[in-house]
Amino acid sequence: MPYVLGIDLGTSSLKGILMNEKGEVIKTKSATYPIDTPKQGFSEQRPEYWVVALENVLTGLSVDVADFGDELIGISFSGQMHSLVVLDKNNTPIYPAILWNDVRTTKQCQEITERLGDRLLEITKNIALEGFTLPKILWLQENEPEIWKKVAQIMLPKDYLGLWLTGKSHTEYSDAAGTLLLDIENHRWSKEIADAFGVDRSILPDLVESTDQIGVLKEELKARFKINTDVKIFAGGADNAAAALGVGLINEDMGLISMGTSGVVSSYEPKIADYKGKLHFFNHTIPGKYYSMGVTLAAGNSLNWFKETFGKGLTFNELLADVYTVEPGSNGLLFTPYIVGERTPHFDSNIRGSFLGISAHHQLKHFSRSVLEGITFSLRDSKDMMEKTKGKKFQKLISVGGGAQNPDIMQMQADIFNCEMVRLTVEQGPGLGACMIAAYGCGLYTTLEEVTKVFVHYKEATFLPKPDHVKKYNTIYGIWKDIYGATADISHRLINSNEEE
């Protein structure tokens, strides 16, 4: 039975998922690598780390799966977005990759915004943030001019692996959309933006669809990993786009709620939508389609911070064991998860979190529940924006990440979102989307919808909103939304006072 391999290039590890044509996982392998932080605010990786990790994964699969070399027919990718890879004329990396979570580029973001004004949003559908690729390019131009002179090609992380496997350069639209250089609606690099910042378009990779074949596995690699088949390589997608495909986000009536370190709300968009920069808007892995995305910077991170600070020594199960005994609203206690600033809808790096309404009767279980509620309220900000701006009406929300493993959190999500919540039978993350792209590209299925029916499965048990809880949460959420406006100035003044000391 033929196999496809999805390679997920994450921030701290690379994961390979080997699946058969029935959508069954044959084997997974992973390899880790470091994040280099040479200065405060810097976050870098050497592309060579990724190659070594991929070599380890391929070697492990060839050893552990007896027919790997005879049955592998296709490979595709998902990868961390925005990170800047620069190569010389020999396709050799000449500077560490500047990662998506690097924050050295505030000055460059201001420059982009001032120079392009409304045109940036009109062309890219996004606003300038430190995570995007273009600010990193400007930083390199300004701070490493000798390096910049040698740049012959700019790439994104997963595409560097595609180059290593095939010898050919490319990127696809879902990753290109996160650079601030793509004309999203017209599916081409923006001459206007590139010219404004001295970026020769000849150094930008060719654009392809996520499902396009970009080459075949090089002969020397086939020999090294004992592969006897002609393996087709497909472009793949940015991690969030691949994750959306991997959970079945292929129509408008479903949304995705992801609660990891950060929290993400994603929605399928069949055509261009204008969210005025309040949400991220990117090309999907599905050709010609898009997705919108809201981000809560500290979702699981808020819960982890709370546990380590106030519940040290407790497991998460112990910390949350009694939250079901607390009524919605945590007896008048509210939490805002702004402990590292906030993205959607405020885009405020200087806002800080708060507990509001503390009284003498509050116990650890009230605080624990209020943290969960605050995270979910923040995610609701993004969901409500999608519904109010575009008139969406979600029939179901797919919950993934840590929250999906806890029935109390799932019920809370159903009540706060006022929507049926569903879970996957098995979570494989963005790598599953990469496998689906490879399966479709290899012709195992004629449409991505067919692949989804085979590869994506939901648990039969779902969580439905409780009307009395929905009513109470609607009232509390209305109060919660006022906290940002009431505390933003105080947060900013506190930060300024600390800087002055």
Protein backbone atom coordinates (compact mmCIF):
# COMPACT_ATOMS: atom_id res chain seq x y z
CA MET A 1 0.00 0.00 0.00
CA PRO A 2 1.51 3.40 -0.97
CA TYR A 3 2.74 5.81 1.69
CA VAL A 4 2.85 9.60 1.88
CA LEU A 5 5.06 11.58 4.24
CA GLY A 6 4.14 14.88 5.86
CA ILE A 7 7.07 16.91 7.19
CA ASP A 8 6.17 19.52 9.80
CA LEU A 9 9.01 22.00 10.33
CA GLY A 10 8.23 23.57 13.69
CA THR A 11 10.03 26.16 15.79
CA SER A 12 11.75 23.65 18.07
CA SER A 13 11.39 20.32 16.28
CA LEU A 14 10.74 18.63 12.96
CA LYS A 15 8.13 15.89 12.83
CA GLY A 16 7.57 13.36 10.09
CA ILE A 17 4.19 11.60 9.77
CA LEU A 18 4.05 8.55 7.51
CA MET A 19 0.52 7.60 6.42
CA ASN A 20 -1.02 5.13 4.01
CA GLU A 21 -3.70 5.88 1.44
CA LYS A 22 -6.44 4.99 3.95
CA GLY A 23 -5.32 7.85 6.19
CA GLU A 24 -3.81 5.53 8.79
CA VAL A 25 -0.65 6.60 10.63
CA ILE A 26 2.12 4.08 9.97
CA LYS A 27 4.88 5.79 11.95
CA THR A 28 5.90 9.17 13.32
CA LYS A 29 9.42 10.38 13.94
CA SER A 30 10.72 13.67 15.30
CA ALA A 31 14.00 15.46 15.92
CA THR A 32 14.65 18.59 17.95
CA TYR A 33 16.93 21.58 17.40
CA PRO A 34 17.79 24.72 19.39
CA ILE A 35 16.62 28.30 19.08
CA ASP A 36 19.57 30.70 19.20
CA THR A 37 19.12 33.98 21.11
CA PRO A 38 22.36 35.95 20.65
CA LYS A 39 20.74 39.17 21.92
CA GLN A 40 17.60 40.17 23.76
CA GLY A 41 14.69 40.06 21.33
CA PHE A 42 16.62 37.97 18.80
CA SER A 43 15.38 34.50 17.83
CA GLU A 44 17.35 32.62 15.18
CA GLN A 45 18.06 29.16 13.77
CA ARG A 46 20.58 27.85 11.30
CA PRO A 47 18.86 26.17 8.32
CA GLU A 48 21.42 23.41 8.67
CA TYR A 49 19.60 22.40 11.88
CA TRP A 50 16.49 21.60 9.85
CA VAL A 51 18.40 19.52 7.31
CA VAL A 52 20.04 17.43 10.05
CA ALA A 53 16.64 16.91 11.69
CA LEU A 54 15.10 15.80 8.39
CA GLU A 55 18.01 13.43 7.78
CA ASN A 56 17.42 11.90 11.22
CA VAL A 57 13.69 11.49 10.58
CA LEU A 58 14.19 9.90 7.16
CA THR A 59 16.86 7.58 8.54
CA GLY A 60 14.59 6.56 11.40
CA LEU A 61 11.68 5.81 9.08
CA SER A 62 13.85 3.78 6.73
CA VAL A 63 15.05 1.68 9.67
CA ASP A 64 11.71 1.26 11.48
CA VAL A 65 9.35 0.74 8.52
CA ALA A 66 10.38 -2.30 6.49
CA ASP A 67 8.69 -1.27 3.24
CA PHE A 68 9.36 2.49 3.54
CA GLY A 69 11.77 2.47 0.60
CA ASP A 70 9.39 0.55 -1.65
CA GLU A 71 6.07 2.23 -0.82
CA LEU A 72 6.86 5.95 -0.31
CA ILE A 73 5.39 7.87 -3.26
CA GLY A 74 4.96 11.48 -2.07
CA ILE A 75 6.28 14.07 0.38
CA SER A 76 4.89 17.45 1.34
CA PHE A 77 5.47 20.05 4.05
CA SER A 78 4.04 22.31 6.67
CA GLY A 79 6.30 24.90 8.22
CA GLN A 80 6.74 27.78 10.63
CA MET A 81 5.63 31.00 8.96
CA HIS A 82 7.40 34.31 8.31
CA SER A 83 10.97 33.27 9.15
CA LEU A 84 13.59 34.73 6.81
CA VAL A 85 16.11 32.45 5.07
CA VAL A 86 18.73 34.11 2.83
CA LEU A 87 20.96 32.22 0.39
CA ASP A 88 23.88 33.17 -1.82
CA LYS A 89 24.28 32.27 -5.52
CA ASN A 90 25.31 28.74 -4.52
CA ASN A 91 22.12 28.22 -2.51
CA THR A 92 24.15 28.34 0.71
CA PRO A 93 22.63 30.05 3.79
CA ILE A 94 24.67 33.16 4.59
CA TYR A 95 22.91 34.32 7.76
CA PRO A 96 20.93 32.55 10.49
CA ALA A 97 17.22 32.36 9.76
CA ILE A 98 15.44 35.15 11.62
CA LEU A 99 12.40 33.47 13.17
CA TRP A 100 8.74 34.46 13.38
CA ASN A 101 9.03 35.17 17.13
CA ASP A 102 12.01 37.52 16.74
CA VAL A 103 11.07 41.07 17.85
CA ARG A 104 14.06 43.15 16.75
CA THR A 105 12.12 44.86 13.93
CA THR A 106 9.79 47.36 15.63
CA LYS A 107 11.56 50.27 13.91
CA GLN A 108 11.22 48.58 10.51
CA CYS A 109 7.51 47.93 11.05
CA GLN A 110 6.99 51.63 11.73
CA GLU A 111 8.92 52.48 8.57
CA ILE A 112 6.79 50.13 6.46
CA THR A 113 3.56 51.53 7.87
CA GLU A 114 4.63 55.15 7.37
CA ARG A 115 5.89 54.63 3.82
CA LEU A 116 3.03 52.53 2.47
CA GLY A 117 0.10 53.76 4.54
CA ASP A 118 -3.23 52.21 3.51
CA ARG A 119 -1.64 50.56 0.48
CA LEU A 120 -0.05 47.91 2.69
CA LEU A 121 -3.44 46.73 3.91
CA GLU A 122 -4.99 47.01 0.44
CA ILE A 123 -2.32 44.81 -1.13
CA THR A 124 -1.41 42.32 1.61
CA LYS A 125 -4.62 42.40 3.73
CA ASN A 126 -2.39 42.57 6.83
CA ILE A 127 -0.63 45.20 8.91
CA ALA A 128 3.10 45.34 9.63
CA LEU A 129 4.11 43.30 12.67
CA GLU A 130 7.51 42.16 13.88
CA GLY A 131 6.76 38.54 13.03
CA PHE A 132 6.40 39.10 9.28
CA THR A 133 9.23 38.63 6.79
CA LEU A 134 9.52 42.07 5.16
CA PRO A 135 10.57 43.85 8.40
CA LYS A 136 13.33 41.25 8.79
CA ILE A 137 14.53 42.01 5.26
CA LEU A 138 14.71 45.71 6.07
CA TRP A 139 16.61 44.97 9.27
CA LEU A 140 19.15 42.92 7.33
CA GLN A 141 19.54 45.69 4.75
CA GLU A 142 20.18 48.27 7.47
CA ASN A 143 22.27 46.25 9.92
CA GLU A 144 24.09 43.69 7.75
CA PRO A 145 24.66 45.49 4.41
CA GLU A 146 27.56 43.24 3.43
CA ILE A 147 25.40 40.17 3.93
CA TRP A 148 22.56 41.77 1.99
CA LYS A 149 24.84 42.37 -1.00
CA LYS A 150 25.43 38.61 -1.24
CA VAL A 151 21.75 37.62 -1.08
CA ALA A 152 20.78 35.83 -4.29
CA GLN A 153 17.58 34.25 -2.99
CA ILE A 154 15.08 34.66 -0.17
CA MET A 155 13.21 31.63 1.12
CA LEU A 156 10.87 30.46 3.87
CA PRO A 157 11.90 27.56 6.14
CA LYS A 158 9.93 24.64 4.71
CA ASP A 159 10.91 25.70 1.18
CA TYR A 160 14.58 25.37 2.11
CA LEU A 161 13.86 21.72 2.81
CA GLY A 162 12.09 21.48 -0.53
CA LEU A 163 15.23 22.88 -2.17
CA TRP A 164 17.38 20.34 -0.32
CA LEU A 165 15.18 17.44 -1.43
CA THR A 166 14.71 18.47 -5.07
CA GLY A 167 17.36 21.06 -5.97
CA LYS A 168 14.58 23.47 -7.01
CA SER A 169 13.45 26.76 -5.44
CA HIS A 170 9.88 27.88 -4.91
CA THR A 171 7.33 29.01 -2.35
CA GLU A 172 3.57 28.72 -2.30
CA TYR A 173 0.85 31.23 -1.61
CA SER A 174 -0.07 30.36 1.99
CA ASP A 175 3.52 30.99 3.17
CA ALA A 176 4.13 33.90 0.79
CA ALA A 177 1.06 35.61 2.28
CA GLY A 178 2.94 35.93 5.58
CA THR A 179 5.82 37.91 4.09
CA LEU A 180 4.08 41.29 3.54
CA LEU A 181 5.34 41.08 -0.04
CA LEU A 182 2.46 39.18 -1.64
CA ASP A 183 -0.41 40.74 -3.54
CA ILE A 184 -2.84 38.30 -1.96
CA GLU A 185 -5.80 38.90 -4.24
CA ASN A 186 -3.82 38.79 -7.50
CA HIS A 187 -1.54 35.92 -6.48
CA ARG A 188 1.77 37.58 -7.32
CA TRP A 189 4.66 39.32 -5.65
CA SER A 190 3.86 43.01 -5.25
CA LYS A 191 6.11 45.13 -7.44
CA GLU A 192 4.96 48.22 -5.57
CA ILE A 193 6.05 46.93 -2.17
CA ALA A 194 9.25 45.30 -3.41
CA ASP A 195 10.32 48.47 -5.23
CA ALA A 196 9.50 50.66 -2.22
CA PHE A 197 12.04 48.79 -0.10
CA GLY A 198 14.73 47.89 -2.61
CA VAL A 199 13.86 44.20 -2.87
CA ASP A 200 14.74 42.92 -6.34
CA ARG A 201 11.95 40.54 -7.30
CA SER A 202 14.50 38.24 -8.92
CA ILE A 203 15.56 37.11 -5.43
CA LEU A 204 12.00 36.10 -4.54
CA PRO A 205 11.15 32.44 -5.25
CA ASP A 206 8.68 31.34 -7.91
CA LEU A 207 5.10 31.11 -6.67
CA VAL A 208 3.13 27.86 -6.90
CA GLU A 209 -0.01 26.36 -5.38
CA SER A 210 0.31 24.31 -2.20
CA THR A 211 -0.75 21.20 -4.12
CA ASP A 212 1.70 21.68 -7.01
CA GLN A 213 4.52 19.22 -7.55
CA ILE A 214 7.85 21.04 -7.21
CA GLY A 215 10.14 18.19 -8.16
CA VAL A 216 11.18 14.64 -7.32
CA LEU A 217 13.50 13.32 -4.66
CA LYS A 218 17.13 13.61 -5.75
CA GLU A 219 18.88 10.38 -6.72
CA GLU A 220 21.65 10.77 -4.15
CA LEU A 221 19.05 11.09 -1.38
CA LYS A 222 17.15 8.05 -2.63
CA ALA A 223 20.36 6.07 -2.36
CA ARG A 224 21.22 7.45 1.08
CA PHE A 225 17.83 6.59 2.59
CA LYS A 226 17.35 3.33 0.63
CA ILE A 227 14.33 4.59 -1.30
CA ASN A 228 13.57 2.68 -4.50
CA THR A 229 10.58 4.65 -5.77
CA ASP A 230 10.35 7.93 -7.67
CA VAL A 231 9.09 10.15 -4.86
CA LYS A 232 7.10 13.23 -5.87
CA ILE A 233 7.61 16.37 -3.77
CA PHE A 234 4.75 18.86 -3.30
CA ALA A 235 4.91 22.46 -2.13
CA GLY A 236 2.83 22.12 1.06
CA GLY A 237 1.68 25.00 3.22
CA ALA A 238 2.32 27.36 6.09
CA ASP A 239 1.73 25.66 9.44
CA ASN A 240 -1.57 27.38 10.21
CA ALA A 241 -2.91 26.77 6.70
CA ALA A 242 -1.83 23.12 6.78
CA ALA A 243 -3.35 22.74 10.25
CA ALA A 244 -6.64 24.16 8.96
CA LEU A 245 -6.68 21.59 6.17
CA GLY A 246 -5.70 18.86 8.62
CA VAL A 247 -8.76 19.45 10.80
CA GLY A 248 -11.16 19.67 7.86
CA LEU A 249 -11.57 23.44 7.71
CA ILE A 250 -12.81 23.45 4.12
CA ASN A 251 -16.17 25.25 4.38
CA GLU A 252 -17.60 28.38 5.96
CA ASP A 253 -19.84 26.84 8.62
CA MET A 254 -16.96 25.41 10.64
CA GLY A 255 -14.21 27.22 12.55
CA LEU A 256 -11.04 26.14 14.30
CA ILE A 257 -10.16 26.87 17.92
CA SER A 258 -6.57 26.00 18.78
CA MET A 259 -5.29 26.36 22.33
CA GLY A 260 -1.55 25.86 22.51
CA THR A 261 0.99 28.24 23.99
CA SER A 262 -0.85 30.88 22.01
CA GLY A 263 -4.48 30.59 20.93
CA VAL A 264 -5.77 30.74 17.38
CA VAL A 265 -9.22 31.12 15.87
CA SER A 266 -9.32 30.29 12.15
CA SER A 267 -12.11 30.55 9.60
CA TYR A 268 -12.35 29.35 5.99
CA GLU A 269 -12.81 32.20 3.52
CA PRO A 270 -13.99 31.36 -0.04
CA LYS A 271 -13.07 34.83 -1.30
CA ILE A 272 -11.25 38.00 -0.31
CA ALA A 273 -12.58 39.52 2.92
CA ASP A 274 -11.66 42.88 4.40
CA TYR A 275 -11.14 42.76 8.14
CA LYS A 276 -9.31 46.12 8.16
CA GLY A 277 -6.19 44.44 9.54
CA LYS A 278 -7.94 43.42 12.76
CA LEU A 279 -7.49 39.76 11.79
CA HIS A 280 -4.72 38.09 9.83
CA PHE A 281 -5.84 37.14 6.33
CA PHE A 282 -3.86 34.60 4.31
CA ASN A 283 -4.11 32.30 1.31
CA HIS A 284 -5.25 28.76 2.14
CA THR A 285 -3.59 25.53 1.05
CA ILE A 286 -6.76 24.97 -1.00
CA PRO A 287 -6.07 26.65 -4.38
CA GLY A 288 -7.90 29.94 -4.77
CA LYS A 289 -9.23 29.99 -1.20
CA TYR A 290 -8.25 31.89 1.96
CA TYR A 291 -8.51 31.79 5.74
CA SER A 292 -8.75 34.44 8.43
CA MET A 293 -7.06 34.10 11.77
CA GLY A 294 -7.19 35.78 15.15
CA VAL A 295 -4.50 35.25 17.76
CA THR A 296 -4.47 35.30 21.56
CA LEU A 297 -0.79 35.57 22.43
CA ALA A 298 -0.94 33.82 25.79
CA ALA A 299 -3.58 31.10 25.85
CA GLY A 300 -2.00 27.93 27.25
CA ASN A 301 0.88 30.16 28.28
CA SER A 302 -1.43 31.98 30.70
CA LEU A 303 -2.54 28.71 32.26
CA ASN A 304 1.02 27.46 32.50
CA TRP A 305 2.16 30.74 34.08
CA PHE A 306 -0.69 30.53 36.61
CA LYS A 307 0.18 26.93 37.52
CA GLU A 308 3.88 27.62 37.92
CA THR A 309 3.24 30.79 39.94
CA PHE A 310 0.28 29.85 42.15
CA GLY A 311 -0.01 26.07 41.85
CA LYS A 312 3.59 24.97 41.88
CA GLY A 313 3.88 21.25 42.46
CA LEU A 314 0.39 20.55 41.15
CA THR A 315 -0.33 18.75 37.90
CA PHE A 316 -2.72 20.41 35.47
CA ASN A 317 -5.33 17.77 36.33
CA GLU A 318 -4.97 18.61 40.02
CA LEU A 319 -5.09 22.35 39.37
CA LEU A 320 -8.30 22.06 37.35
CA ALA A 321 -9.94 19.22 39.28
CA ASP A 322 -12.58 21.43 40.96
CA VAL A 323 -13.29 24.06 38.28
CA TYR A 324 -16.54 22.27 37.36
CA THR A 325 -17.87 23.07 40.85
CA VAL A 326 -17.51 26.81 40.20
CA GLU A 327 -20.41 28.59 38.51
CA PRO A 328 -19.84 30.41 35.19
CA GLY A 329 -18.25 33.76 35.91
CA SER A 330 -16.07 32.41 38.74
CA ASN A 331 -18.11 34.19 41.39
CA GLY A 332 -17.37 37.65 39.99
CA LEU A 333 -13.66 37.07 39.26
CA LEU A 334 -12.33 38.05 35.83
CA PHE A 335 -8.93 37.45 34.22
CA THR A 336 -7.40 39.00 31.09
CA PRO A 337 -4.67 36.87 29.45
CA TYR A 338 -2.50 39.81 28.39
CA ILE A 339 0.61 38.65 30.23
CA VAL A 340 2.83 39.12 27.13
CA GLY A 341 0.72 41.78 25.42
CA GLU A 342 -2.08 40.95 23.03
CA ARG A 343 -2.61 40.48 19.30
CA THR A 344 -6.29 40.25 18.30
CA PRO A 345 -8.11 42.57 18.42
CA HIS A 346 -5.88 45.10 20.19
CA PHE A 347 -2.40 44.69 18.67
CA ASP A 348 -0.95 46.09 21.86
CA SER A 349 2.45 44.81 23.00
CA ASN A 350 2.28 46.92 26.19
CA ILE A 351 -1.06 45.81 27.59
CA ARG A 352 -0.72 43.56 30.62
CA GLY A 353 -2.95 40.98 32.27
CA SER A 354 -5.12 41.42 35.32
CA PHE A 355 -7.41 39.74 37.81
CA LEU A 356 -10.44 41.90 38.56
CA GLY A 357 -13.05 41.44 41.25
CA ILE A 358 -10.93 39.57 43.81
CA SER A 359 -12.71 39.10 47.12
CA ALA A 360 -11.99 37.23 50.33
CA HIS A 361 -14.18 34.26 49.41
CA HIS A 362 -12.23 33.40 46.24
CA GLN A 363 -10.20 30.20 46.36
CA LEU A 364 -7.69 28.61 44.01
CA LYS A 365 -10.47 26.91 42.03
CA HIS A 366 -12.09 30.30 41.30
CA PHE A 367 -8.83 31.71 40.03
CA SER A 368 -8.22 28.59 37.93
CA ARG A 369 -11.64 28.84 36.30
CA SER A 370 -11.31 32.58 35.73
CA VAL A 371 -8.02 31.99 33.86
CA LEU A 372 -9.75 29.48 31.58
CA GLU A 373 -12.68 31.84 31.06
CA GLY A 374 -10.42 34.79 30.31
CA ILE A 375 -8.53 32.84 27.67
CA THR A 376 -11.80 31.76 26.07
CA PHE A 377 -13.23 35.29 26.17
CA SER A 378 -10.13 36.49 24.33
CA LEU A 379 -10.64 33.82 21.66
CA ARG A 380 -14.29 34.85 21.42
CA ASP A 381 -13.10 38.34 20.44
CA SER A 382 -11.79 36.84 17.18
CA LYS A 383 -14.82 34.62 16.57
CA ASP A 384 -17.24 37.51 17.09
CA MET A 385 -15.26 39.70 14.72
CA MET A 386 -15.53 37.07 11.99
CA GLU A 387 -19.27 36.76 12.52
CA LYS A 388 -20.04 40.47 12.76
CA THR A 389 -17.78 41.60 9.91
CA LYS A 390 -18.69 38.92 7.38
CA GLY A 391 -22.04 37.70 8.67
CA LYS A 392 -20.72 34.23 9.39
CA LYS A 393 -22.68 31.76 11.46
CA PHE A 394 -20.58 28.87 12.66
CA GLN A 395 -22.46 25.59 13.01
CA LYS A 396 -19.54 23.80 14.67
CA LEU A 397 -16.15 24.72 16.07
CA ILE A 398 -13.29 22.23 15.98
CA SER A 399 -11.24 22.39 19.18
CA VAL A 400 -7.60 21.25 19.16
CA GLY A 401 -4.68 21.57 21.54
CA GLY A 402 -4.58 21.18 25.29
CA GLY A 403 -8.11 22.46 25.85
CA ALA A 404 -9.61 19.71 23.70
CA GLN A 405 -8.38 17.07 26.15
CA ASN A 406 -10.40 18.46 29.08
CA PRO A 407 -14.21 18.04 29.10
CA ASP A 408 -14.71 20.99 31.47
CA ILE A 409 -12.83 23.29 29.09
CA MET A 410 -14.77 21.91 26.12
CA GLN A 411 -18.08 22.64 27.85
CA MET A 412 -16.85 26.12 28.78
CA GLN A 413 -15.95 26.75 25.13
CA ALA A 414 -19.39 25.57 24.00
CA ASP A 415 -21.07 27.92 26.48
CA ILE A 416 -18.90 30.99 25.83
CA PHE A 417 -18.88 30.57 22.04
CA ASN A 418 -22.55 29.46 22.03
CA CYS A 419 -21.67 26.81 19.49
CA GLU A 420 -21.35 23.04 19.24
CA MET A 421 -17.76 21.96 19.90
CA VAL A 422 -16.20 18.91 18.24
CA ARG A 423 -12.86 17.13 18.70
CA LEU A 424 -10.65 15.06 16.44
CA THR A 425 -10.30 11.35 17.16
CA VAL A 426 -6.54 11.75 16.75
CA GLU A 427 -4.62 15.05 16.55
CA GLN A 428 -1.63 15.10 14.20
CA GLY A 429 -1.32 18.87 13.71
CA PRO A 430 -0.07 20.58 10.56
CA GLY A 431 1.81 17.46 9.43
CA LEU A 432 -1.52 15.78 8.70
CA GLY A 433 -2.40 18.59 6.30
CA ALA A 434 0.94 18.02 4.58
CA CYS A 435 0.13 14.30 4.20
CA MET A 436 -3.25 15.19 2.71
CA ILE A 437 -1.61 17.48 0.16
CA ALA A 438 0.78 14.70 -0.84
CA ALA A 439 -2.04 12.15 -1.11
CA TYR A 440 -4.01 14.49 -3.35
CA GLY A 441 -0.96 15.47 -5.39
CA CYS A 442 -0.06 11.84 -6.02
CA GLY A 443 -3.52 11.20 -7.45
CA LEU A 444 -4.73 8.93 -4.66
CA TYR A 445 -7.82 11.17 -4.51
CA THR A 446 -9.36 13.51 -7.08
CA THR A 447 -10.26 16.36 -4.69
CA LEU A 448 -9.10 17.67 -1.33
CA GLU A 449 -12.66 17.17 -0.10
CA GLU A 450 -12.30 13.44 -0.78
CA VAL A 451 -9.00 13.35 1.09
CA THR A 452 -10.62 15.11 4.05
CA LYS A 453 -13.37 12.50 4.32
CA VAL A 454 -10.75 9.74 4.56
CA PHE A 455 -8.03 11.42 6.64
CA VAL A 456 -9.99 13.60 9.11
CA HIS A 457 -12.26 12.07 11.75
CA TYR A 458 -14.19 13.60 14.66
CA LYS A 459 -15.27 12.03 17.93
CA GLU A 460 -18.96 11.18 18.03
CA ALA A 461 -19.46 12.86 21.40
CA THR A 462 -19.76 16.63 21.06
CA PHE A 463 -20.34 19.47 23.53
CA LEU A 464 -23.49 21.56 23.17
CA PRO A 465 -24.03 25.00 24.75
CA LYS A 466 -26.22 25.14 27.85
CA PRO A 467 -28.75 27.98 27.40
CA ASP A 468 -28.56 29.23 31.00
CA HIS A 469 -24.75 29.30 30.86
CA VAL A 470 -24.81 31.05 27.47
CA LYS A 471 -27.04 33.79 28.86
CA LYS A 472 -24.83 34.34 31.88
CA TYR A 473 -21.63 34.31 29.85
CA ASN A 474 -23.01 36.84 27.37
CA THR A 475 -23.51 39.26 30.26
CA ILE A 476 -20.09 38.57 31.78
CA TYR A 477 -18.33 38.81 28.40
CA GLY A 478 -19.85 42.26 27.91
CA ILE A 479 -18.24 43.34 31.19
CA TRP A 480 -14.96 41.55 30.38
CA LYS A 481 -14.61 43.45 27.08
CA ASP A 482 -14.53 46.74 29.00
CA ILE A 483 -11.40 45.75 30.91
CA TYR A 484 -9.00 46.50 28.08
CA GLY A 485 -10.16 50.10 27.72
CA ALA A 486 -10.14 50.57 31.47
CA THR A 487 -6.63 49.20 32.04
CA ALA A 488 -4.66 49.99 28.84
CA ASP A 489 -3.50 53.42 29.97
CA ILE A 490 -2.53 52.09 33.38
CA SER A 491 -0.55 49.24 31.79
CA HIS A 492 1.28 51.61 29.46
CA ARG A 493 2.14 54.01 32.30
CA LEU A 494 3.44 51.15 34.45
CA ILE A 495 5.73 49.96 31.64
CA ASN A 496 6.98 53.50 31.08
CA SER A 497 7.66 53.93 34.78
CA ASN A 498 9.74 50.75 34.84
CA GLU A 499 11.78 51.88 31.84
CA GLU A 500 12.50 55.20 33.53
CA GLU A 501 13.97 53.53 36.61
